[in-house]
């Protein structure tokens, strides 16, 4: 049996997302005719990475992320393992992005979920039914995650939740953000 001490989450607490410098924007994926396929809230890491469920991306020809600046950022490259339900996509930006860095999830640290839609909602969670996919580990949690959010450890992004678009959570099991390089282009995924 597992002899490690189990993390017991304290009650849910509210905190200001601004204290995290969480970079949240409006992600729009359009088809080849320029019609929006999907529009959702998305969090981007300091290094320019955003996660999206594979099925959200199908038929998407142009992918854009609008943050606070008037000009949308283009997403044109990414990482996706054939076993992953979620891909990690790279946001092209000449300006440095503000936000927490991406780090691999570890079961040795407490895990929290922060909503991208409900301000000031930060909830401790305990992962259950962990299954390794490719770059991600899929989890279930005891708390209902009915809207998009990110998972944090030590105020760094370690995963994403997509609410009803992809039930459960997806924790990053790949390399640290500074070592990541896109492996293929969005137009290759489209084809």
N, C-alpha and C. Protein backbone atom coordinates (compact mmCIF):
# COMPACT_ATOMS: atom_id res chain seq x y z
N UNK A 1 0.83 -1.19 0.00
CA UNK A 1 0.00 0.00 0.00
C UNK A 1 0.87 1.25 0.00
N UNK A 2 0.26 2.35 -0.39
CA UNK A 2 0.96 3.62 -0.47
C UNK A 2 1.16 4.17 0.94
N UNK A 3 2.42 4.40 1.35
CA UNK A 3 2.73 4.87 2.70
C UNK A 3 2.91 6.38 2.77
N UNK A 4 2.81 7.08 1.63
CA UNK A 4 2.98 8.53 1.65
C UNK A 4 1.81 9.18 2.38
N UNK A 5 2.07 10.29 3.07
CA UNK A 5 0.96 11.00 3.70
C UNK A 5 0.05 11.58 2.62
N UNK A 6 -1.23 11.51 2.84
CA UNK A 6 -2.20 12.02 1.87
C UNK A 6 -2.47 13.49 2.14
N UNK A 7 -2.54 14.27 1.09
CA UNK A 7 -2.86 15.68 1.22
C UNK A 7 -4.35 15.80 1.48
N UNK A 8 -4.71 16.47 2.55
CA UNK A 8 -6.10 16.74 2.88
C UNK A 8 -6.36 18.21 2.60
N UNK A 9 -7.16 18.51 1.58
CA UNK A 9 -7.34 19.91 1.23
C UNK A 9 -8.13 20.68 2.27
N UNK A 10 -7.71 21.91 2.56
CA UNK A 10 -8.50 22.76 3.43
C UNK A 10 -9.74 23.23 2.69
N UNK A 11 -10.66 23.92 3.37
CA UNK A 11 -11.85 24.42 2.69
C UNK A 11 -11.48 25.37 1.56
N UNK A 12 -12.40 25.51 0.61
CA UNK A 12 -12.16 26.41 -0.51
C UNK A 12 -11.94 27.83 -0.01
N UNK A 13 -11.02 28.53 -0.66
CA UNK A 13 -10.73 29.90 -0.29
C UNK A 13 -10.86 30.78 -1.52
N UNK A 14 -11.06 32.04 -1.30
CA UNK A 14 -11.10 32.99 -2.40
C UNK A 14 -9.81 33.78 -2.39
N UNK A 15 -9.27 34.04 -3.54
CA UNK A 15 -8.06 34.85 -3.67
C UNK A 15 -8.15 35.65 -4.96
N UNK A 16 -7.45 36.71 -5.03
CA UNK A 16 -7.48 37.57 -6.19
C UNK A 16 -6.59 36.98 -7.28
N UNK A 17 -7.17 36.73 -8.48
CA UNK A 17 -6.39 36.17 -9.58
C UNK A 17 -5.25 37.10 -9.98
N UNK A 18 -5.42 38.39 -9.76
CA UNK A 18 -4.37 39.33 -10.12
C UNK A 18 -3.10 39.06 -9.33
N UNK A 19 -3.22 38.55 -8.11
CA UNK A 19 -2.03 38.21 -7.32
C UNK A 19 -1.22 37.12 -7.99
N UNK A 20 -1.83 36.35 -8.85
CA UNK A 20 -1.15 35.28 -9.58
C UNK A 20 -0.55 35.77 -10.88
N UNK A 21 -0.93 36.98 -11.32
CA UNK A 21 -0.59 37.45 -12.67
C UNK A 21 -1.07 36.47 -13.72
N UNK A 22 -2.23 35.90 -13.52
CA UNK A 22 -2.79 34.92 -14.44
C UNK A 22 -3.19 35.61 -15.73
N UNK A 23 -2.59 35.23 -16.84
CA UNK A 23 -2.90 35.83 -18.15
C UNK A 23 -4.05 35.05 -18.78
N UNK A 24 -5.24 35.63 -18.73
CA UNK A 24 -6.44 34.99 -19.26
C UNK A 24 -6.94 35.79 -20.44
N UNK A 25 -7.25 35.10 -21.51
CA UNK A 25 -7.75 35.78 -22.70
C UNK A 25 -8.90 35.04 -23.32
N UNK A 26 -9.38 35.57 -24.41
CA UNK A 26 -10.47 34.99 -25.18
C UNK A 26 -9.86 34.26 -26.37
N UNK A 27 -10.01 32.94 -26.41
CA UNK A 27 -9.45 32.14 -27.48
C UNK A 27 -10.54 31.86 -28.51
N UNK A 28 -10.24 32.17 -29.76
CA UNK A 28 -11.19 31.96 -30.85
C UNK A 28 -10.54 31.07 -31.90
N UNK A 29 -11.24 30.01 -32.26
CA UNK A 29 -10.78 29.12 -33.34
C UNK A 29 -11.80 29.25 -34.48
N UNK A 30 -11.30 29.62 -35.67
CA UNK A 30 -12.17 29.81 -36.83
C UNK A 30 -11.91 28.73 -37.87
N UNK A 31 -12.94 28.40 -38.64
CA UNK A 31 -12.79 27.44 -39.72
C UNK A 31 -12.16 28.13 -40.93
N UNK A 32 -12.00 27.41 -42.02
CA UNK A 32 -11.31 27.95 -43.20
C UNK A 32 -12.08 29.12 -43.83
N UNK A 33 -13.39 29.19 -43.58
CA UNK A 33 -14.21 30.28 -44.11
C UNK A 33 -14.22 31.50 -43.18
N UNK A 34 -13.50 31.43 -42.05
CA UNK A 34 -13.45 32.55 -41.13
C UNK A 34 -14.58 32.57 -40.11
N UNK A 35 -15.38 31.51 -40.06
CA UNK A 35 -16.48 31.42 -39.10
C UNK A 35 -15.97 30.82 -37.80
N UNK A 36 -16.34 31.40 -36.65
CA UNK A 36 -15.87 30.86 -35.36
C UNK A 36 -16.42 29.45 -35.11
N UNK A 37 -15.52 28.51 -34.83
CA UNK A 37 -15.90 27.15 -34.41
C UNK A 37 -16.12 27.12 -32.91
N UNK A 38 -15.21 27.80 -32.19
CA UNK A 38 -15.24 27.76 -30.73
C UNK A 38 -14.70 29.08 -30.20
N UNK A 39 -15.23 29.49 -29.07
CA UNK A 39 -14.75 30.67 -28.37
C UNK A 39 -14.80 30.33 -26.88
N UNK A 40 -13.66 30.48 -26.18
CA UNK A 40 -13.59 30.11 -24.78
C UNK A 40 -12.53 30.93 -24.05
N UNK A 41 -12.63 30.97 -22.74
CA UNK A 41 -11.59 31.58 -21.92
C UNK A 41 -10.39 30.64 -21.90
N UNK A 42 -9.19 31.20 -21.96
CA UNK A 42 -7.98 30.39 -21.95
C UNK A 42 -6.88 31.11 -21.18
N UNK A 43 -6.09 30.34 -20.43
CA UNK A 43 -4.95 30.89 -19.69
C UNK A 43 -3.67 30.51 -20.42
N UNK A 44 -2.77 31.47 -20.54
CA UNK A 44 -1.50 31.25 -21.21
C UNK A 44 -0.39 31.35 -20.17
N UNK A 45 0.62 30.50 -20.32
CA UNK A 45 1.74 30.51 -19.39
C UNK A 45 2.71 31.64 -19.75
N UNK A 46 3.66 31.90 -18.88
CA UNK A 46 4.65 32.94 -19.11
C UNK A 46 5.44 32.68 -20.39
N UNK A 47 5.65 31.41 -20.71
CA UNK A 47 6.40 31.05 -21.91
C UNK A 47 5.57 30.99 -23.17
N UNK A 48 4.26 31.27 -23.08
CA UNK A 48 3.42 31.33 -24.27
C UNK A 48 2.68 30.05 -24.61
N UNK A 49 2.44 29.19 -23.65
CA UNK A 49 1.77 27.92 -23.91
C UNK A 49 0.34 27.93 -23.37
N UNK A 50 -0.56 27.38 -24.15
CA UNK A 50 -1.97 27.25 -23.76
C UNK A 50 -2.43 25.85 -24.14
N UNK A 51 -3.26 25.25 -23.31
CA UNK A 51 -3.75 23.90 -23.57
C UNK A 51 -5.17 23.95 -24.10
N UNK A 52 -5.49 23.03 -25.01
CA UNK A 52 -6.83 22.93 -25.58
C UNK A 52 -7.17 21.46 -25.81
N UNK A 53 -8.43 21.09 -25.55
CA UNK A 53 -8.84 19.72 -25.88
C UNK A 53 -8.76 19.50 -27.39
N UNK A 54 -8.33 18.34 -27.78
CA UNK A 54 -8.18 17.98 -29.19
C UNK A 54 -9.48 18.19 -29.96
N UNK A 55 -10.60 17.76 -29.38
CA UNK A 55 -11.86 17.85 -30.13
C UNK A 55 -12.31 19.30 -30.33
N UNK A 56 -11.87 20.24 -29.48
CA UNK A 56 -12.17 21.65 -29.68
C UNK A 56 -11.46 22.19 -30.92
N UNK A 57 -10.35 21.60 -31.25
CA UNK A 57 -9.49 22.11 -32.31
C UNK A 57 -9.89 21.60 -33.70
N UNK A 58 -10.68 20.56 -33.76
CA UNK A 58 -11.02 19.95 -35.05
C UNK A 58 -11.71 20.96 -35.97
N UNK A 59 -11.24 21.04 -37.19
CA UNK A 59 -11.80 21.97 -38.16
C UNK A 59 -11.31 23.39 -38.01
N UNK A 60 -10.42 23.62 -37.04
CA UNK A 60 -9.91 24.96 -36.80
C UNK A 60 -8.78 25.31 -37.74
N UNK A 61 -8.93 26.39 -38.48
CA UNK A 61 -7.94 26.81 -39.45
C UNK A 61 -7.10 27.98 -38.92
N UNK A 62 -7.75 28.92 -38.25
CA UNK A 62 -7.07 30.08 -37.66
C UNK A 62 -7.36 30.10 -36.17
N UNK A 63 -6.31 30.19 -35.37
CA UNK A 63 -6.44 30.19 -33.91
C UNK A 63 -5.85 31.49 -33.38
N UNK A 64 -6.65 32.22 -32.58
CA UNK A 64 -6.21 33.52 -32.06
C UNK A 64 -6.52 33.61 -30.56
N UNK A 65 -5.67 34.30 -29.84
CA UNK A 65 -5.87 34.56 -28.42
C UNK A 65 -5.81 36.05 -28.20
N UNK A 66 -6.89 36.62 -27.68
CA UNK A 66 -6.94 38.05 -27.37
C UNK A 66 -6.74 38.23 -25.88
N UNK A 67 -5.66 38.92 -25.51
CA UNK A 67 -5.42 39.27 -24.12
C UNK A 67 -5.86 40.72 -23.95
N UNK A 68 -5.18 41.50 -23.14
CA UNK A 68 -5.59 42.88 -22.92
C UNK A 68 -5.23 43.81 -24.08
N UNK A 69 -4.25 43.43 -24.87
CA UNK A 69 -3.84 44.30 -25.98
C UNK A 69 -4.88 44.22 -27.11
N UNK A 70 -4.97 45.26 -27.93
CA UNK A 70 -5.97 45.26 -29.01
C UNK A 70 -5.68 44.24 -30.10
N UNK A 71 -4.42 43.86 -30.25
CA UNK A 71 -4.05 42.92 -31.31
C UNK A 71 -4.04 41.49 -30.78
N UNK A 72 -4.73 40.60 -31.49
CA UNK A 72 -4.79 39.20 -31.08
C UNK A 72 -3.46 38.51 -31.38
N UNK A 73 -3.12 37.54 -30.53
CA UNK A 73 -1.91 36.74 -30.72
C UNK A 73 -2.28 35.49 -31.51
N UNK A 74 -1.40 35.08 -32.38
CA UNK A 74 -1.66 33.91 -33.24
C UNK A 74 -1.08 32.67 -32.60
N UNK A 75 -1.84 31.59 -32.66
CA UNK A 75 -1.37 30.27 -32.23
C UNK A 75 -1.14 29.48 -33.50
N UNK A 76 0.11 29.09 -33.75
CA UNK A 76 0.36 28.40 -35.01
C UNK A 76 1.22 27.13 -34.89
N UNK A 77 1.64 26.79 -33.65
CA UNK A 77 2.44 25.58 -33.45
C UNK A 77 2.04 24.91 -32.14
N UNK A 78 2.42 23.64 -31.99
CA UNK A 78 2.09 22.99 -30.74
C UNK A 78 2.72 21.63 -30.52
N UNK A 79 2.29 21.02 -29.43
CA UNK A 79 2.70 19.68 -29.03
C UNK A 79 1.44 18.86 -28.80
N UNK A 80 1.39 17.70 -29.38
CA UNK A 80 0.24 16.82 -29.18
C UNK A 80 0.70 15.39 -29.40
N UNK A 81 0.55 14.57 -28.38
CA UNK A 81 0.86 13.16 -28.50
C UNK A 81 -0.38 12.44 -29.01
N UNK A 82 -0.21 11.38 -29.75
CA UNK A 82 -1.37 10.68 -30.29
C UNK A 82 -2.29 10.13 -29.21
N UNK A 83 -1.81 9.97 -27.99
CA UNK A 83 -2.63 9.47 -26.90
C UNK A 83 -3.28 10.56 -26.06
N UNK A 84 -2.94 11.82 -26.31
CA UNK A 84 -3.46 12.93 -25.50
C UNK A 84 -4.83 13.39 -25.98
N UNK A 85 -5.73 13.63 -25.05
CA UNK A 85 -7.00 14.28 -25.35
C UNK A 85 -6.81 15.78 -25.44
N UNK A 86 -5.68 16.27 -24.93
CA UNK A 86 -5.39 17.70 -24.86
C UNK A 86 -4.04 17.96 -25.50
N UNK A 87 -3.96 19.06 -26.22
CA UNK A 87 -2.69 19.48 -26.81
C UNK A 87 -2.19 20.74 -26.14
N UNK A 88 -0.91 20.97 -26.23
CA UNK A 88 -0.29 22.19 -25.71
C UNK A 88 0.14 23.00 -26.93
N UNK A 89 -0.34 24.24 -26.99
CA UNK A 89 -0.16 25.05 -28.19
C UNK A 89 0.62 26.31 -27.85
N UNK A 90 1.41 26.77 -28.82
CA UNK A 90 2.32 27.89 -28.60
C UNK A 90 1.75 29.17 -29.18
N UNK A 91 1.74 30.22 -28.36
CA UNK A 91 1.25 31.53 -28.74
C UNK A 91 2.43 32.38 -29.19
N UNK A 92 2.41 32.82 -30.43
CA UNK A 92 3.48 33.68 -30.95
C UNK A 92 3.30 35.09 -30.42
N UNK A 93 4.35 35.63 -29.80
CA UNK A 93 4.27 36.98 -29.27
C UNK A 93 5.66 37.61 -29.26
N UNK A 94 5.74 38.84 -29.74
CA UNK A 94 7.01 39.56 -29.67
C UNK A 94 7.25 40.13 -28.29
N UNK A 95 6.16 40.35 -27.56
CA UNK A 95 6.24 40.89 -26.20
C UNK A 95 6.25 39.74 -25.20
N UNK A 96 6.96 39.89 -24.09
CA UNK A 96 6.91 38.86 -23.06
C UNK A 96 5.50 38.76 -22.49
N UNK A 97 5.06 37.57 -22.21
CA UNK A 97 3.74 37.36 -21.64
C UNK A 97 3.85 37.28 -20.13
N UNK A 98 2.86 37.85 -19.46
CA UNK A 98 2.83 37.75 -18.01
C UNK A 98 1.96 36.58 -17.63
N UNK A 99 2.36 35.90 -16.61
CA UNK A 99 1.58 34.77 -16.13
C UNK A 99 2.50 33.78 -15.45
N UNK A 100 1.93 32.83 -14.76
CA UNK A 100 2.75 31.81 -14.11
C UNK A 100 3.46 30.93 -15.14
N UNK A 101 4.60 30.43 -14.79
CA UNK A 101 5.34 29.50 -15.64
C UNK A 101 4.66 28.13 -15.62
N UNK A 102 4.94 27.33 -16.62
CA UNK A 102 4.46 25.95 -16.69
C UNK A 102 5.52 25.05 -16.10
N UNK A 103 5.10 24.16 -15.21
CA UNK A 103 6.03 23.16 -14.67
C UNK A 103 5.31 21.82 -14.63
N UNK A 104 6.05 20.73 -14.66
CA UNK A 104 5.41 19.41 -14.56
C UNK A 104 4.75 19.23 -13.20
N UNK A 105 3.60 18.60 -13.21
CA UNK A 105 2.87 18.29 -11.99
C UNK A 105 3.62 17.22 -11.19
N UNK A 106 3.55 17.34 -9.86
CA UNK A 106 4.12 16.33 -8.97
C UNK A 106 3.08 16.01 -7.89
N UNK A 107 3.01 14.76 -7.49
CA UNK A 107 2.06 14.40 -6.43
C UNK A 107 2.60 14.74 -5.04
N UNK A 108 3.80 15.31 -4.96
CA UNK A 108 4.40 15.66 -3.66
C UNK A 108 3.95 17.03 -3.15
N UNK A 109 3.25 17.81 -3.98
CA UNK A 109 2.83 19.16 -3.59
C UNK A 109 1.31 19.28 -3.64
N UNK A 110 0.73 20.15 -2.79
CA UNK A 110 -0.71 20.40 -2.87
C UNK A 110 -1.10 20.95 -4.24
N UNK A 111 -2.30 20.63 -4.67
CA UNK A 111 -2.81 21.04 -5.98
C UNK A 111 -4.03 21.93 -5.79
N UNK A 112 -4.07 23.05 -6.51
CA UNK A 112 -5.21 23.95 -6.46
C UNK A 112 -5.74 24.19 -7.86
N UNK A 113 -7.04 24.50 -7.93
CA UNK A 113 -7.68 24.84 -9.19
C UNK A 113 -8.15 26.28 -9.09
N UNK A 114 -7.90 27.08 -10.15
CA UNK A 114 -8.34 28.46 -10.22
C UNK A 114 -9.24 28.60 -11.44
N UNK A 115 -10.44 29.14 -11.22
CA UNK A 115 -11.39 29.35 -12.31
C UNK A 115 -10.91 30.47 -13.23
N UNK A 116 -11.19 30.32 -14.53
CA UNK A 116 -10.89 31.38 -15.49
C UNK A 116 -12.10 32.28 -15.71
N UNK A 117 -13.27 31.87 -15.20
CA UNK A 117 -14.49 32.63 -15.42
C UNK A 117 -15.04 33.27 -14.16
N UNK A 118 -14.99 32.58 -13.05
CA UNK A 118 -15.51 33.12 -11.79
C UNK A 118 -14.37 33.79 -11.04
N UNK A 119 -14.41 35.11 -10.91
CA UNK A 119 -13.31 35.80 -10.23
C UNK A 119 -13.16 35.33 -8.78
N UNK A 120 -11.93 35.32 -8.35
CA UNK A 120 -11.59 35.04 -6.95
C UNK A 120 -11.91 33.63 -6.49
N UNK A 121 -11.97 32.67 -7.38
CA UNK A 121 -12.25 31.30 -6.97
C UNK A 121 -10.99 30.46 -7.11
N UNK A 122 -10.49 30.00 -5.97
CA UNK A 122 -9.30 29.15 -5.90
C UNK A 122 -9.62 28.02 -4.94
N UNK A 123 -9.64 26.78 -5.45
CA UNK A 123 -10.11 25.64 -4.68
C UNK A 123 -9.03 24.56 -4.59
N UNK A 124 -8.65 24.14 -3.39
CA UNK A 124 -7.74 23.00 -3.28
C UNK A 124 -8.44 21.73 -3.78
N UNK A 125 -7.71 20.90 -4.53
CA UNK A 125 -8.28 19.66 -5.06
C UNK A 125 -7.31 18.52 -4.80
N UNK A 126 -7.85 17.32 -4.81
CA UNK A 126 -7.03 16.13 -4.68
C UNK A 126 -7.28 15.25 -5.92
N UNK A 127 -6.23 14.99 -6.73
CA UNK A 127 -6.44 14.19 -7.93
C UNK A 127 -6.81 12.74 -7.60
N UNK A 128 -7.69 12.19 -8.40
CA UNK A 128 -8.12 10.80 -8.26
C UNK A 128 -8.08 10.15 -9.64
N UNK A 129 -7.99 8.84 -9.67
CA UNK A 129 -8.03 8.08 -10.93
C UNK A 129 -7.08 8.65 -11.97
N UNK A 130 -5.81 8.75 -11.62
CA UNK A 130 -4.81 9.33 -12.50
C UNK A 130 -4.44 8.33 -13.59
N UNK A 131 -4.54 8.75 -14.85
CA UNK A 131 -4.14 7.89 -15.97
C UNK A 131 -3.22 8.67 -16.90
N UNK A 132 -2.05 8.12 -17.15
CA UNK A 132 -1.07 8.76 -18.03
C UNK A 132 -1.53 8.63 -19.47
N UNK A 133 -1.49 9.74 -20.21
CA UNK A 133 -1.83 9.70 -21.63
C UNK A 133 -0.54 9.79 -22.44
N UNK A 134 -0.11 10.97 -22.76
CA UNK A 134 1.15 11.19 -23.45
C UNK A 134 1.91 12.25 -22.69
N UNK A 135 1.72 13.51 -23.10
CA UNK A 135 2.31 14.63 -22.38
C UNK A 135 1.52 14.97 -21.13
N UNK A 136 0.29 14.50 -21.04
CA UNK A 136 -0.60 14.83 -19.93
C UNK A 136 -1.01 13.60 -19.14
N UNK A 137 -1.38 13.82 -17.89
CA UNK A 137 -2.03 12.80 -17.06
C UNK A 137 -3.46 13.27 -16.86
N UNK A 138 -4.42 12.42 -17.15
CA UNK A 138 -5.83 12.77 -16.96
C UNK A 138 -6.22 12.40 -15.54
N UNK A 139 -6.99 13.29 -14.89
CA UNK A 139 -7.41 13.04 -13.51
C UNK A 139 -8.90 13.31 -13.36
N UNK A 140 -9.46 12.74 -12.32
CA UNK A 140 -10.75 13.13 -11.80
C UNK A 140 -10.48 13.82 -10.48
N UNK A 141 -11.38 14.68 -10.07
CA UNK A 141 -11.25 15.35 -8.78
C UNK A 141 -12.59 15.27 -8.06
N UNK A 142 -12.53 15.36 -6.74
CA UNK A 142 -13.75 15.26 -5.95
C UNK A 142 -14.64 16.50 -6.10
N UNK A 143 -14.06 17.63 -6.45
CA UNK A 143 -14.79 18.88 -6.62
C UNK A 143 -15.29 18.98 -8.06
N UNK A 144 -16.49 19.49 -8.25
CA UNK A 144 -17.02 19.68 -9.60
C UNK A 144 -16.32 20.86 -10.26
N UNK A 145 -15.78 20.64 -11.44
CA UNK A 145 -15.10 21.68 -12.21
C UNK A 145 -15.92 21.93 -13.47
N UNK A 146 -16.96 22.72 -13.36
CA UNK A 146 -17.90 22.90 -14.46
C UNK A 146 -17.53 24.05 -15.39
N UNK A 147 -16.38 24.68 -15.16
CA UNK A 147 -15.95 25.77 -16.03
C UNK A 147 -14.44 25.68 -16.23
N UNK A 148 -13.91 26.39 -17.24
CA UNK A 148 -12.47 26.34 -17.50
C UNK A 148 -11.65 26.89 -16.33
N UNK A 149 -10.48 26.29 -16.13
CA UNK A 149 -9.59 26.74 -15.08
C UNK A 149 -8.20 26.16 -15.26
N UNK A 150 -7.31 26.53 -14.36
CA UNK A 150 -5.96 25.99 -14.37
C UNK A 150 -5.67 25.35 -13.03
N UNK A 151 -4.77 24.37 -13.05
CA UNK A 151 -4.27 23.76 -11.81
C UNK A 151 -2.93 24.39 -11.49
N UNK A 152 -2.72 24.68 -10.22
CA UNK A 152 -1.49 25.33 -9.77
C UNK A 152 -0.82 24.53 -8.67
N UNK A 153 0.49 24.57 -8.68
CA UNK A 153 1.32 24.13 -7.56
C UNK A 153 2.38 25.20 -7.39
N UNK A 154 2.52 25.70 -6.16
CA UNK A 154 3.46 26.79 -5.86
C UNK A 154 3.28 27.96 -6.82
N UNK A 155 2.03 28.30 -7.13
CA UNK A 155 1.65 29.39 -8.02
C UNK A 155 2.23 29.27 -9.43
N UNK A 156 2.47 28.05 -9.87
CA UNK A 156 2.86 27.78 -11.26
C UNK A 156 1.82 26.87 -11.89
N UNK A 157 1.56 27.05 -13.16
CA UNK A 157 0.56 26.24 -13.85
C UNK A 157 1.11 24.84 -14.05
N UNK A 158 0.32 23.85 -13.64
CA UNK A 158 0.69 22.44 -13.85
C UNK A 158 -0.39 21.68 -14.61
N UNK A 159 -1.46 22.36 -15.00
CA UNK A 159 -2.51 21.68 -15.73
C UNK A 159 -3.70 22.57 -16.01
N UNK A 160 -4.67 22.00 -16.73
CA UNK A 160 -5.85 22.74 -17.15
C UNK A 160 -7.09 21.89 -16.93
N UNK A 161 -8.22 22.56 -16.74
CA UNK A 161 -9.54 21.94 -16.75
C UNK A 161 -10.39 22.73 -17.74
N UNK A 162 -11.30 22.05 -18.42
CA UNK A 162 -12.06 22.67 -19.50
C UNK A 162 -13.56 22.63 -19.27
N UNK A 163 -13.97 22.38 -18.03
CA UNK A 163 -15.39 22.34 -17.71
C UNK A 163 -16.09 21.23 -18.47
N UNK A 164 -17.24 21.56 -19.02
CA UNK A 164 -18.05 20.57 -19.73
C UNK A 164 -17.47 20.18 -21.10
N UNK A 165 -16.51 20.95 -21.61
CA UNK A 165 -15.92 20.64 -22.91
C UNK A 165 -15.05 19.39 -22.87
N UNK A 166 -14.44 19.10 -21.73
CA UNK A 166 -13.61 17.90 -21.54
C UNK A 166 -13.59 17.62 -20.04
N UNK A 167 -14.46 16.73 -19.56
CA UNK A 167 -14.57 16.49 -18.12
C UNK A 167 -13.25 16.05 -17.48
N UNK A 168 -13.11 16.37 -16.20
CA UNK A 168 -11.90 16.02 -15.46
C UNK A 168 -10.85 17.10 -15.59
N UNK A 169 -9.62 16.72 -15.33
CA UNK A 169 -8.51 17.65 -15.44
C UNK A 169 -7.36 17.01 -16.17
N UNK A 170 -6.45 17.83 -16.64
CA UNK A 170 -5.30 17.36 -17.41
C UNK A 170 -4.05 18.02 -16.84
N UNK A 171 -3.19 17.20 -16.23
CA UNK A 171 -1.98 17.70 -15.59
C UNK A 171 -0.78 17.48 -16.50
N UNK A 172 0.06 18.48 -16.60
CA UNK A 172 1.23 18.43 -17.47
C UNK A 172 2.23 17.43 -16.92
N UNK A 173 2.66 16.48 -17.75
CA UNK A 173 3.63 15.48 -17.35
C UNK A 173 4.89 15.55 -18.22
N UNK A 174 5.00 16.62 -18.99
CA UNK A 174 6.15 16.78 -19.89
C UNK A 174 7.29 17.52 -19.23
N UNK A 175 8.10 18.16 -20.06
CA UNK A 175 9.28 18.87 -19.58
C UNK A 175 8.91 20.25 -19.03
N UNK A 176 9.90 20.87 -18.37
CA UNK A 176 9.71 22.25 -17.92
C UNK A 176 9.56 23.16 -19.14
N UNK A 177 8.89 24.26 -18.93
CA UNK A 177 8.57 25.20 -20.01
C UNK A 177 9.79 25.67 -20.78
N UNK A 178 10.90 25.91 -20.10
CA UNK A 178 12.10 26.43 -20.77
C UNK A 178 12.68 25.43 -21.77
N UNK A 179 12.34 24.15 -21.64
CA UNK A 179 12.86 23.12 -22.55
C UNK A 179 11.89 22.76 -23.67
N UNK A 180 10.71 23.36 -23.69
CA UNK A 180 9.69 22.98 -24.68
C UNK A 180 9.93 23.62 -26.03
N UNK A 181 9.70 22.85 -27.07
CA UNK A 181 9.74 23.33 -28.45
C UNK A 181 8.54 22.74 -29.17
N UNK A 182 7.84 23.55 -29.98
CA UNK A 182 6.73 23.00 -30.75
C UNK A 182 7.21 21.88 -31.67
N UNK A 183 6.34 20.90 -31.91
CA UNK A 183 6.71 19.76 -32.74
C UNK A 183 6.02 19.77 -34.11
N UNK A 184 4.89 20.49 -34.23
CA UNK A 184 4.23 20.58 -35.53
C UNK A 184 3.38 21.85 -35.58
N UNK A 185 2.90 22.16 -36.79
CA UNK A 185 2.15 23.40 -37.01
C UNK A 185 0.64 23.15 -36.96
N UNK A 186 -0.10 24.21 -36.65
CA UNK A 186 -1.56 24.13 -36.62
C UNK A 186 -2.11 23.72 -37.98
N UNK A 187 -1.51 24.23 -39.08
CA UNK A 187 -2.05 23.84 -40.39
C UNK A 187 -1.82 22.37 -40.68
N UNK A 188 -0.78 21.75 -40.11
CA UNK A 188 -0.62 20.31 -40.23
C UNK A 188 -1.71 19.59 -39.47
N UNK A 189 -2.07 20.09 -38.28
CA UNK A 189 -3.15 19.51 -37.51
C UNK A 189 -4.47 19.64 -38.27
N UNK A 190 -4.69 20.78 -38.89
CA UNK A 190 -5.92 21.02 -39.67
C UNK A 190 -6.05 20.00 -40.78
N UNK A 191 -4.94 19.73 -41.48
CA UNK A 191 -4.96 18.75 -42.58
C UNK A 191 -5.10 17.34 -42.07
